All heavy atoms as atom14 arrays in JSON, in Angstrom:
{
  "sequence": "TVLSAVAIHASVRYATDRRRRGLALLGLLSLGVAFYFGRALGGFWS",
  "atom14_mask": [
    [1, 1, 1, 1, 1, 1, 1, 0, 0, 0, 0, 0, 0, 0],
    [1, 1, 1, 1, 1, 1, 1, 0, 0, 0, 0, 0, 0, 0],
    [1, 1, 1, 1, 1, 1, 1, 1, 0, 0, 0, 0, 0, 0],
    [1, 1, 1, 1, 1, 1, 0, 0, 0, 0, 0, 0, 0, 0],
    [1, 1, 1, 1, 1, 0, 0, 0, 0, 0, 0, 0, 0, 0],
    [1, 1, 1, 1, 1, 1, 1, 0, 0, 0, 0, 0, 0, 0],
    [1, 1, 1, 1, 1, 0, 0, 0, 0, 0, 0, 0, 0, 0],
    [1, 1, 1, 1, 1, 1, 1, 1, 0, 0, 0, 0, 0, 0],
    [1, 1, 1, 1, 1, 1, 1, 1, 1, 1, 0, 0, 0, 0],
    [1, 1, 1, 1, 1, 0, 0, 0, 0, 0, 0, 0, 0, 0],
    [1, 1, 1, 1, 1, 1, 0, 0, 0, 0, 0, 0, 0, 0],
    [1, 1, 1, 1, 1, 1, 1, 0, 0, 0, 0, 0, 0, 0],
    [1, 1, 1, 1, 1, 1, 1, 1, 1, 1, 1, 0, 0, 0],
    [1, 1, 1, 1, 1, 1, 1, 1, 1, 1, 1, 1, 0, 0],
    [1, 1, 1, 1, 1, 0, 0, 0, 0, 0, 0, 0, 0, 0],
    [1, 1, 1, 1, 1, 1, 1, 0, 0, 0, 0, 0, 0, 0],
    [1, 1, 1, 1, 1, 1, 1, 1, 0, 0, 0, 0, 0, 0],
    [1, 1, 1, 1, 1, 1, 1, 1, 1, 1, 1, 0, 0, 0],
    [1, 1, 1, 1, 1, 1, 1, 1, 1, 1, 1, 0, 0, 0],
    [1, 1, 1, 1, 1, 1, 1, 1, 1, 1, 1, 0, 0, 0],
    [1, 1, 1, 1, 1, 1, 1, 1, 1, 1, 1, 0, 0, 0],
    [1, 1, 1, 1, 0, 0, 0, 0, 0, 0, 0, 0, 0, 0],
    [1, 1, 1, 1, 1, 1, 1, 1, 0, 0, 0, 0, 0, 0],
    [1, 1, 1, 1, 1, 0, 0, 0, 0, 0, 0, 0, 0, 0],
    [1, 1, 1, 1, 1, 1, 1, 1, 0, 0, 0, 0, 0, 0],
    [1, 1, 1, 1, 1, 1, 1, 1, 0, 0, 0, 0, 0, 0],
    [1, 1, 1, 1, 0, 0, 0, 0, 0, 0, 0, 0, 0, 0],
    [1, 1, 1, 1, 1, 1, 1, 1, 0, 0, 0, 0, 0, 0],
    [1, 1, 1, 1, 1, 1, 1, 1, 0, 0, 0, 0, 0, 0],
    [1, 1, 1, 1, 1, 1, 0, 0, 0, 0, 0, 0, 0, 0],
    [1, 1, 1, 1, 1, 1, 1, 1, 0, 0, 0, 0, 0, 0],
    [1, 1, 1, 1, 0, 0, 0, 0, 0, 0, 0, 0, 0, 0],
    [1, 1, 1, 1, 1, 1, 1, 0, 0, 0, 0, 0, 0, 0],
    [1, 1, 1, 1, 1, 0, 0, 0, 0, 0, 0, 0, 0, 0],
    [1, 1, 1, 1, 1, 1, 1, 1, 1, 1, 1, 0, 0, 0],
    [1, 1, 1, 1, 1, 1, 1, 1, 1, 1, 1, 1, 0, 0],
    [1, 1, 1, 1, 1, 1, 1, 1, 1, 1, 1, 0, 0, 0],
    [1, 1, 1, 1, 0, 0, 0, 0, 0, 0, 0, 0, 0, 0],
    [1, 1, 1, 1, 1, 1, 1, 1, 1, 1, 1, 0, 0, 0],
    [1, 1, 1, 1, 1, 0, 0, 0, 0, 0, 0, 0, 0, 0],
    [1, 1, 1, 1, 1, 1, 1, 1, 0, 0, 0, 0, 0, 0],
    [1, 1, 1, 1, 0, 0, 0, 0, 0, 0, 0, 0, 0, 0],
    [1, 1, 1, 1, 0, 0, 0, 0, 0, 0, 0, 0, 0, 0],
    [1, 1, 1, 1, 1, 1, 1, 1, 1, 1, 1, 0, 0, 0],
    [1, 1, 1, 1, 1, 1, 1, 1, 1, 1, 1, 1, 1, 1],
    [1, 1, 1, 1, 1, 1, 0, 0, 0, 0, 0, 0, 0, 0]
  ],
  "atom14_positions": [
    [[85.11, 77.39, 95.68], [83.95, 78.19, 96.09], [84.43, 79.42, 96.78], [83.9, 80.53, 96.49], [83.0, 77.38, 97.02], [82.59, 76.18, 96.38], [81.8, 78.19, 97.44], [0.0, 0.0, 0.0], [0.0, 0.0, 0.0], [0.0, 0.0, 0.0], [0.0, 0.0, 0.0], [0.0, 0.0, 0.0], [0.0, 0.0, 0.0], [0.0, 0.0, 0.0]],
    [[85.42, 79.31, 97.65], [85.99, 80.46, 98.35], [86.72, 81.34, 97.31], [86.61, 82.61, 97.37], [86.92, 80.02, 99.48], [87.63, 81.2, 100.09], [86.07, 79.32, 100.55], [0.0, 0.0, 0.0], [0.0, 0.0, 0.0], [0.0, 0.0, 0.0], [0.0, 0.0, 0.0], [0.0, 0.0, 0.0], [0.0, 0.0, 0.0], [0.0, 0.0, 0.0]],
    [[87.41, 80.81, 96.31], [88.07, 81.53, 95.35], [87.06, 82.29, 94.49], [87.33, 83.5, 94.18], [88.9, 80.64, 94.39], [89.48, 81.23, 93.12], [90.63, 82.15, 93.53], [89.94, 80.17, 92.12], [0.0, 0.0, 0.0], [0.0, 0.0, 0.0], [0.0, 0.0, 0.0], [0.0, 0.0, 0.0], [0.0, 0.0, 0.0], [0.0, 0.0, 0.0]],
    [[85.98, 81.71, 94.21], [84.89, 82.39, 93.52], [84.37, 83.59, 94.21], [84.16, 84.68, 93.66], [83.73, 81.39, 93.24], [82.64, 82.06, 92.66], [0.0, 0.0, 0.0], [0.0, 0.0, 0.0], [0.0, 0.0, 0.0], [0.0, 0.0, 0.0], [0.0, 0.0, 0.0], [0.0, 0.0, 0.0], [0.0, 0.0, 0.0], [0.0, 0.0, 0.0]],
    [[84.16, 83.48, 95.56], [83.65, 84.61, 96.34], [84.72, 85.75, 96.39], [84.34, 86.91, 96.27], [83.32, 84.12, 97.78], [0.0, 0.0, 0.0], [0.0, 0.0, 0.0], [0.0, 0.0, 0.0], [0.0, 0.0, 0.0], [0.0, 0.0, 0.0], [0.0, 0.0, 0.0], [0.0, 0.0, 0.0], [0.0, 0.0, 0.0], [0.0, 0.0, 0.0]],
    [[85.94, 85.32, 96.55], [86.99, 86.38, 96.58], [87.14, 87.11, 95.23], [87.32, 88.27, 95.16], [88.33, 85.8, 97.08], [89.47, 86.73, 96.85], [88.27, 85.34, 98.51], [0.0, 0.0, 0.0], [0.0, 0.0, 0.0], [0.0, 0.0, 0.0], [0.0, 0.0, 0.0], [0.0, 0.0, 0.0], [0.0, 0.0, 0.0], [0.0, 0.0, 0.0]],
    [[87.09, 86.32, 94.13], [87.2, 86.91, 92.83], [86.03, 87.86, 92.55], [86.19, 88.94, 92.0], [87.27, 85.78, 91.73], [0.0, 0.0, 0.0], [0.0, 0.0, 0.0], [0.0, 0.0, 0.0], [0.0, 0.0, 0.0], [0.0, 0.0, 0.0], [0.0, 0.0, 0.0], [0.0, 0.0, 0.0], [0.0, 0.0, 0.0], [0.0, 0.0, 0.0]],
    [[84.84, 87.51, 92.93], [83.7, 88.38, 92.67], [83.76, 89.6, 93.58], [83.44, 90.7, 93.12], [82.37, 87.52, 92.91], [82.22, 86.57, 91.82], [81.2, 88.49, 93.02], [81.01, 85.65, 91.91], [0.0, 0.0, 0.0], [0.0, 0.0, 0.0], [0.0, 0.0, 0.0], [0.0, 0.0, 0.0], [0.0, 0.0, 0.0], [0.0, 0.0, 0.0]],
    [[84.26, 89.47, 94.82], [84.38, 90.64, 95.62], [85.45, 91.6, 95.05], [85.25, 92.8, 95.03], [84.85, 90.17, 97.07], [85.21, 91.3, 97.95], [84.31, 92.15, 98.52], [86.45, 91.83, 98.32], [84.88, 93.13, 99.2], [86.22, 92.92, 99.15], [0.0, 0.0, 0.0], [0.0, 0.0, 0.0], [0.0, 0.0, 0.0], [0.0, 0.0, 0.0]],
    [[86.6, 91.0, 94.57], [87.6, 91.87, 94.0], [87.11, 92.54, 92.69], [87.5, 93.65, 92.42], [88.84, 91.0, 93.69], [0.0, 0.0, 0.0], [0.0, 0.0, 0.0], [0.0, 0.0, 0.0], [0.0, 0.0, 0.0], [0.0, 0.0, 0.0], [0.0, 0.0, 0.0], [0.0, 0.0, 0.0], [0.0, 0.0, 0.0], [0.0, 0.0, 0.0]],
    [[86.27, 91.86, 91.94], [85.77, 92.45, 90.71], [84.85, 93.61, 90.95], [84.83, 94.61, 90.28], [85.1, 91.42, 89.82], [83.85, 91.04, 90.32], [0.0, 0.0, 0.0], [0.0, 0.0, 0.0], [0.0, 0.0, 0.0], [0.0, 0.0, 0.0], [0.0, 0.0, 0.0], [0.0, 0.0, 0.0], [0.0, 0.0, 0.0], [0.0, 0.0, 0.0]],
    [[84.07, 93.5, 92.02], [83.14, 94.58, 92.38], [83.83, 95.69, 93.02], [83.57, 96.9, 92.76], [81.98, 93.99, 93.25], [81.16, 95.13, 93.81], [81.14, 93.0, 92.48], [0.0, 0.0, 0.0], [0.0, 0.0, 0.0], [0.0, 0.0, 0.0], [0.0, 0.0, 0.0], [0.0, 0.0, 0.0], [0.0, 0.0, 0.0], [0.0, 0.0, 0.0]],
    [[84.79, 95.4, 93.91], [85.4, 96.44, 94.73], [86.55, 97.19, 94.06], [86.64, 98.38, 94.17], [85.95, 95.72, 96.03], [86.64, 96.65, 96.94], [85.72, 97.21, 97.95], [86.49, 97.95, 98.93], [86.05, 99.06, 99.51], [84.87, 99.43, 99.36], [86.81, 99.69, 100.36], [0.0, 0.0, 0.0], [0.0, 0.0, 0.0], [0.0, 0.0, 0.0]],
    [[87.44, 96.46, 93.37], [88.66, 97.06, 92.93], [88.86, 97.15, 91.45], [89.55, 98.05, 90.97], [89.88, 96.26, 93.52], [89.93, 96.24, 95.02], [89.71, 95.1, 95.73], [90.16, 97.45, 95.62], [89.72, 95.15, 97.11], [90.22, 97.5, 97.0], [89.94, 96.33, 97.76], [90.01, 96.35, 99.1], [0.0, 0.0, 0.0], [0.0, 0.0, 0.0]],
    [[88.31, 96.22, 90.64], [88.62, 96.2, 89.2], [87.78, 97.17, 88.42], [86.71, 97.58, 88.84], [88.44, 94.75, 88.74], [0.0, 0.0, 0.0], [0.0, 0.0, 0.0], [0.0, 0.0, 0.0], [0.0, 0.0, 0.0], [0.0, 0.0, 0.0], [0.0, 0.0, 0.0], [0.0, 0.0, 0.0], [0.0, 0.0, 0.0], [0.0, 0.0, 0.0]],
    [[88.22, 97.45, 87.23], [87.54, 98.27, 86.3], [87.53, 97.65, 84.92], [88.47, 96.93, 84.59], [88.12, 99.71, 86.18], [89.47, 99.6, 85.81], [88.02, 100.47, 87.51], [0.0, 0.0, 0.0], [0.0, 0.0, 0.0], [0.0, 0.0, 0.0], [0.0, 0.0, 0.0], [0.0, 0.0, 0.0], [0.0, 0.0, 0.0], [0.0, 0.0, 0.0]],
    [[86.51, 97.9, 84.19], [86.37, 97.48, 82.8], [86.73, 96.04, 82.49], [86.02, 95.12, 82.92], [87.19, 98.46, 81.82], [86.65, 99.83, 81.88], [85.47, 100.0, 82.17], [87.45, 100.73, 81.67], [0.0, 0.0, 0.0], [0.0, 0.0, 0.0], [0.0, 0.0, 0.0], [0.0, 0.0, 0.0], [0.0, 0.0, 0.0], [0.0, 0.0, 0.0]],
    [[87.8, 95.79, 81.74], [88.14, 94.51, 81.32], [88.51, 93.59, 82.49], [88.14, 92.37, 82.5], [89.37, 94.59, 80.41], [89.35, 93.66, 79.29], [90.53, 94.0, 78.39], [90.24, 93.6, 77.04], [91.09, 93.65, 76.11], [92.3, 94.1, 76.3], [90.79, 93.27, 74.93], [0.0, 0.0, 0.0], [0.0, 0.0, 0.0], [0.0, 0.0, 0.0]],
    [[89.24, 94.08, 83.45], [89.65, 93.26, 84.61], [88.45, 92.86, 85.38], [88.35, 91.8, 85.92], [90.65, 94.1, 85.45], [91.21, 93.21, 86.57], [92.29, 93.89, 87.26], [93.47, 93.82, 86.41], [94.54, 94.52, 86.64], [94.63, 95.34, 87.62], [95.62, 94.4, 85.87], [0.0, 0.0, 0.0], [0.0, 0.0, 0.0], [0.0, 0.0, 0.0]],
    [[87.5, 93.76, 85.49], [86.17, 93.45, 86.25], [85.48, 92.29, 85.59], [85.08, 91.37, 86.26], [85.29, 94.68, 86.31], [84.0, 94.36, 86.96], [83.14, 95.58, 87.13], [83.79, 96.32, 88.26], [83.33, 97.45, 88.71], [82.3, 98.04, 88.24], [83.92, 98.04, 89.7], [0.0, 0.0, 0.0], [0.0, 0.0, 0.0], [0.0, 0.0, 0.0]],
    [[85.34, 92.32, 84.26], [84.71, 91.23, 83.54], [85.48, 89.95, 83.63], [84.92, 88.92, 83.85], [84.53, 91.62, 82.03], [83.41, 92.59, 81.83], [83.14, 92.74, 80.36], [84.29, 93.28, 79.66], [84.41, 94.5, 79.2], [83.36, 95.35, 79.3], [85.46, 94.93, 78.61], [0.0, 0.0, 0.0], [0.0, 0.0, 0.0], [0.0, 0.0, 0.0]],
    [[86.8, 90.06, 83.63], [87.6, 88.85, 83.76], [87.54, 88.23, 85.1], [87.43, 86.97, 85.25], [0.0, 0.0, 0.0], [0.0, 0.0, 0.0], [0.0, 0.0, 0.0], [0.0, 0.0, 0.0], [0.0, 0.0, 0.0], [0.0, 0.0, 0.0], [0.0, 0.0, 0.0], [0.0, 0.0, 0.0], [0.0, 0.0, 0.0], [0.0, 0.0, 0.0]],
    [[87.55, 89.01, 86.18], [87.43, 88.49, 87.53], [86.08, 87.96, 87.83], [85.89, 86.94, 88.43], [87.75, 89.57, 88.56], [89.3, 89.82, 88.78], [89.42, 91.06, 89.69], [89.96, 88.65, 89.38], [0.0, 0.0, 0.0], [0.0, 0.0, 0.0], [0.0, 0.0, 0.0], [0.0, 0.0, 0.0], [0.0, 0.0, 0.0], [0.0, 0.0, 0.0]],
    [[85.05, 88.6, 87.25], [83.68, 88.05, 87.39], [83.49, 86.76, 86.67], [82.97, 85.76, 87.17], [82.61, 89.07, 86.86], [0.0, 0.0, 0.0], [0.0, 0.0, 0.0], [0.0, 0.0, 0.0], [0.0, 0.0, 0.0], [0.0, 0.0, 0.0], [0.0, 0.0, 0.0], [0.0, 0.0, 0.0], [0.0, 0.0, 0.0], [0.0, 0.0, 0.0]],
    [[84.16, 86.64, 85.45], [84.1, 85.42, 84.74], [84.82, 84.33, 85.48], [84.37, 83.17, 85.57], [84.64, 85.6, 83.32], [84.64, 84.35, 82.39], [83.16, 83.99, 82.12], [85.39, 84.69, 81.16], [0.0, 0.0, 0.0], [0.0, 0.0, 0.0], [0.0, 0.0, 0.0], [0.0, 0.0, 0.0], [0.0, 0.0, 0.0], [0.0, 0.0, 0.0]],
    [[86.03, 84.63, 86.04], [86.79, 83.65, 86.83], [85.95, 83.18, 88.02], [85.93, 81.99, 88.31], [88.05, 84.31, 87.37], [88.89, 83.42, 88.29], [89.48, 82.25, 87.58], [89.89, 84.27, 88.96], [0.0, 0.0, 0.0], [0.0, 0.0, 0.0], [0.0, 0.0, 0.0], [0.0, 0.0, 0.0], [0.0, 0.0, 0.0], [0.0, 0.0, 0.0]],
    [[85.27, 84.09, 88.67], [84.38, 83.74, 89.78], [83.26, 82.79, 89.4], [83.04, 81.77, 90.07], [0.0, 0.0, 0.0], [0.0, 0.0, 0.0], [0.0, 0.0, 0.0], [0.0, 0.0, 0.0], [0.0, 0.0, 0.0], [0.0, 0.0, 0.0], [0.0, 0.0, 0.0], [0.0, 0.0, 0.0], [0.0, 0.0, 0.0], [0.0, 0.0, 0.0]],
    [[82.57, 83.14, 88.32], [81.52, 82.24, 87.9], [81.98, 80.88, 87.39], [81.34, 79.83, 87.67], [80.7, 82.97, 86.77], [79.94, 84.15, 87.26], [79.3, 84.88, 86.06], [78.92, 83.75, 88.32], [0.0, 0.0, 0.0], [0.0, 0.0, 0.0], [0.0, 0.0, 0.0], [0.0, 0.0, 0.0], [0.0, 0.0, 0.0], [0.0, 0.0, 0.0]],
    [[83.13, 80.85, 86.64], [83.64, 79.56, 86.17], [84.14, 78.71, 87.38], [83.88, 77.49, 87.38], [84.8, 79.82, 85.23], [84.37, 80.32, 83.85], [85.61, 80.58, 82.99], [83.56, 79.24, 83.15], [0.0, 0.0, 0.0], [0.0, 0.0, 0.0], [0.0, 0.0, 0.0], [0.0, 0.0, 0.0], [0.0, 0.0, 0.0], [0.0, 0.0, 0.0]],
    [[84.75, 79.3, 88.32], [85.25, 78.53, 89.45], [84.12, 78.03, 90.3], [84.08, 76.92, 90.89], [86.23, 79.32, 90.3], [85.63, 80.43, 90.92], [0.0, 0.0, 0.0], [0.0, 0.0, 0.0], [0.0, 0.0, 0.0], [0.0, 0.0, 0.0], [0.0, 0.0, 0.0], [0.0, 0.0, 0.0], [0.0, 0.0, 0.0], [0.0, 0.0, 0.0]],
    [[82.98, 78.74, 90.39], [81.79, 78.31, 91.12], [81.14, 77.14, 90.37], [80.75, 76.16, 90.97], [80.84, 79.48, 91.29], [79.66, 79.18, 92.21], [80.15, 78.89, 93.66], [78.77, 80.44, 92.21], [0.0, 0.0, 0.0], [0.0, 0.0, 0.0], [0.0, 0.0, 0.0], [0.0, 0.0, 0.0], [0.0, 0.0, 0.0], [0.0, 0.0, 0.0]],
    [[81.11, 77.27, 89.04], [80.56, 76.14, 88.24], [81.38, 74.85, 88.38], [80.81, 73.74, 88.59], [0.0, 0.0, 0.0], [0.0, 0.0, 0.0], [0.0, 0.0, 0.0], [0.0, 0.0, 0.0], [0.0, 0.0, 0.0], [0.0, 0.0, 0.0], [0.0, 0.0, 0.0], [0.0, 0.0, 0.0], [0.0, 0.0, 0.0], [0.0, 0.0, 0.0]],
    [[82.69, 75.01, 88.37], [83.58, 73.78, 88.53], [83.4, 73.25, 89.98], [83.46, 72.02, 90.19], [85.02, 74.14, 88.21], [85.97, 72.96, 88.5], [85.14, 74.53, 86.74], [0.0, 0.0, 0.0], [0.0, 0.0, 0.0], [0.0, 0.0, 0.0], [0.0, 0.0, 0.0], [0.0, 0.0, 0.0], [0.0, 0.0, 0.0], [0.0, 0.0, 0.0]],
    [[83.31, 74.16, 90.93], [83.04, 73.72, 92.33], [81.8, 72.89, 92.47], [81.74, 71.88, 93.2], [83.07, 74.9, 93.26], [0.0, 0.0, 0.0], [0.0, 0.0, 0.0], [0.0, 0.0, 0.0], [0.0, 0.0, 0.0], [0.0, 0.0, 0.0], [0.0, 0.0, 0.0], [0.0, 0.0, 0.0], [0.0, 0.0, 0.0], [0.0, 0.0, 0.0]],
    [[80.71, 73.34, 91.72], [79.5, 72.57, 91.81], [79.63, 71.17, 91.14], [79.04, 70.24, 91.59], [78.37, 73.35, 91.1], [77.86, 74.51, 91.87], [77.3, 75.59, 91.23], [77.92, 74.51, 93.24], [76.84, 76.72, 91.94], [77.46, 75.65, 93.95], [76.91, 76.67, 93.31], [0.0, 0.0, 0.0], [0.0, 0.0, 0.0], [0.0, 0.0, 0.0]],
    [[80.53, 71.11, 90.15], [80.8, 69.81, 89.52], [81.47, 68.89, 90.47], [81.13, 67.72, 90.63], [81.67, 70.0, 88.24], [82.06, 68.69, 87.68], [81.19, 67.96, 86.91], [83.35, 68.2, 87.85], [81.62, 66.76, 86.37], [83.77, 66.99, 87.32], [82.88, 66.26, 86.56], [83.23, 65.09, 86.06], [0.0, 0.0, 0.0], [0.0, 0.0, 0.0]],
    [[82.5, 69.4, 91.23], [83.17, 68.53, 92.2], [82.33, 68.35, 93.47], [82.65, 67.5, 94.34], [84.53, 69.16, 92.55], [85.59, 68.93, 91.53], [86.14, 70.04, 90.89], [85.98, 67.68, 91.18], [87.14, 69.84, 89.9], [86.95, 67.5, 90.2], [87.52, 68.6, 89.58], [0.0, 0.0, 0.0], [0.0, 0.0, 0.0], [0.0, 0.0, 0.0]],
    [[81.31, 69.18, 93.64], [80.47, 69.12, 94.85], [79.65, 67.84, 94.97], [79.06, 67.61, 96.01], [0.0, 0.0, 0.0], [0.0, 0.0, 0.0], [0.0, 0.0, 0.0], [0.0, 0.0, 0.0], [0.0, 0.0, 0.0], [0.0, 0.0, 0.0], [0.0, 0.0, 0.0], [0.0, 0.0, 0.0], [0.0, 0.0, 0.0], [0.0, 0.0, 0.0]],
    [[79.7, 67.03, 93.89], [78.94, 65.71, 94.0], [79.52, 64.87, 95.07], [78.9, 63.99, 95.6], [79.02, 65.0, 92.63], [78.26, 65.71, 91.61], [78.32, 64.93, 90.33], [77.68, 65.77, 89.2], [77.65, 65.44, 88.01], [78.26, 64.29, 87.57], [77.08, 66.19, 87.12], [0.0, 0.0, 0.0], [0.0, 0.0, 0.0], [0.0, 0.0, 0.0]],
    [[80.81, 65.07, 95.38], [81.45, 64.32, 96.46], [80.89, 64.65, 97.84], [81.12, 63.87, 98.83], [82.95, 64.58, 96.43], [0.0, 0.0, 0.0], [0.0, 0.0, 0.0], [0.0, 0.0, 0.0], [0.0, 0.0, 0.0], [0.0, 0.0, 0.0], [0.0, 0.0, 0.0], [0.0, 0.0, 0.0], [0.0, 0.0, 0.0], [0.0, 0.0, 0.0]],
    [[80.07, 65.67, 97.94], [79.5, 66.06, 99.26], [78.2, 65.34, 99.49], [77.4, 65.68, 100.37], [79.28, 67.55, 99.28], [80.58, 68.38, 99.34], [80.24, 69.84, 99.11], [81.27, 68.2, 100.67], [0.0, 0.0, 0.0], [0.0, 0.0, 0.0], [0.0, 0.0, 0.0], [0.0, 0.0, 0.0], [0.0, 0.0, 0.0], [0.0, 0.0, 0.0]],
    [[77.85, 64.35, 98.74], [76.7, 63.48, 98.91], [75.64, 63.56, 97.87], [74.48, 63.34, 98.13], [0.0, 0.0, 0.0], [0.0, 0.0, 0.0], [0.0, 0.0, 0.0], [0.0, 0.0, 0.0], [0.0, 0.0, 0.0], [0.0, 0.0, 0.0], [0.0, 0.0, 0.0], [0.0, 0.0, 0.0], [0.0, 0.0, 0.0], [0.0, 0.0, 0.0]],
    [[76.06, 63.91, 96.64], [75.14, 64.02, 95.52], [75.07, 65.49, 95.09], [75.6, 66.38, 95.63], [0.0, 0.0, 0.0], [0.0, 0.0, 0.0], [0.0, 0.0, 0.0], [0.0, 0.0, 0.0], [0.0, 0.0, 0.0], [0.0, 0.0, 0.0], [0.0, 0.0, 0.0], [0.0, 0.0, 0.0], [0.0, 0.0, 0.0], [0.0, 0.0, 0.0]],
    [[74.41, 65.65, 93.91], [74.4, 66.98, 93.32], [73.71, 68.03, 94.21], [74.28, 69.08, 94.51], [73.8, 67.0, 91.96], [73.72, 68.33, 91.31], [74.9, 68.91, 90.76], [72.61, 69.05, 91.34], [74.84, 70.16, 90.19], [72.53, 70.33, 90.74], [73.67, 70.85, 90.2], [0.0, 0.0, 0.0], [0.0, 0.0, 0.0], [0.0, 0.0, 0.0]],
    [[72.48, 67.73, 94.6], [71.72, 68.75, 95.34], [72.3, 69.05, 96.75], [72.32, 70.21, 97.14], [70.24, 68.41, 95.41], [69.63, 68.55, 94.08], [69.2, 67.59, 93.24], [69.42, 69.79, 93.35], [68.72, 68.07, 92.12], [68.85, 69.42, 92.1], [69.67, 71.12, 93.57], [68.5, 70.42, 91.16], [69.32, 72.07, 92.65], [68.71, 71.7, 91.45]],
    [[72.68, 68.03, 97.48], [73.3, 68.34, 98.73], [74.59, 69.03, 98.64], [74.9, 69.96, 99.4], [73.41, 66.99, 99.55], [74.27, 66.16, 98.89], [0.0, 0.0, 0.0], [0.0, 0.0, 0.0], [0.0, 0.0, 0.0], [0.0, 0.0, 0.0], [0.0, 0.0, 0.0], [0.0, 0.0, 0.0], [0.0, 0.0, 0.0], [0.0, 0.0, 0.0]]
  ]
}
C-alpha cells in the first residue's frame, strides 16, 4: 500500500509519458495485490 502511494506520487510529480504510465500502473497493481493480502486484517471489507 505504501509502495503504491509512493509510485503514484512519483508518477504525478516526476515522470513523463511512458514512465508515468508505468509508475501509475505499478501503483494500481500493487494496491490491488495489497487488497488481496488485506484479508488477513480481519476480512475483505475491514
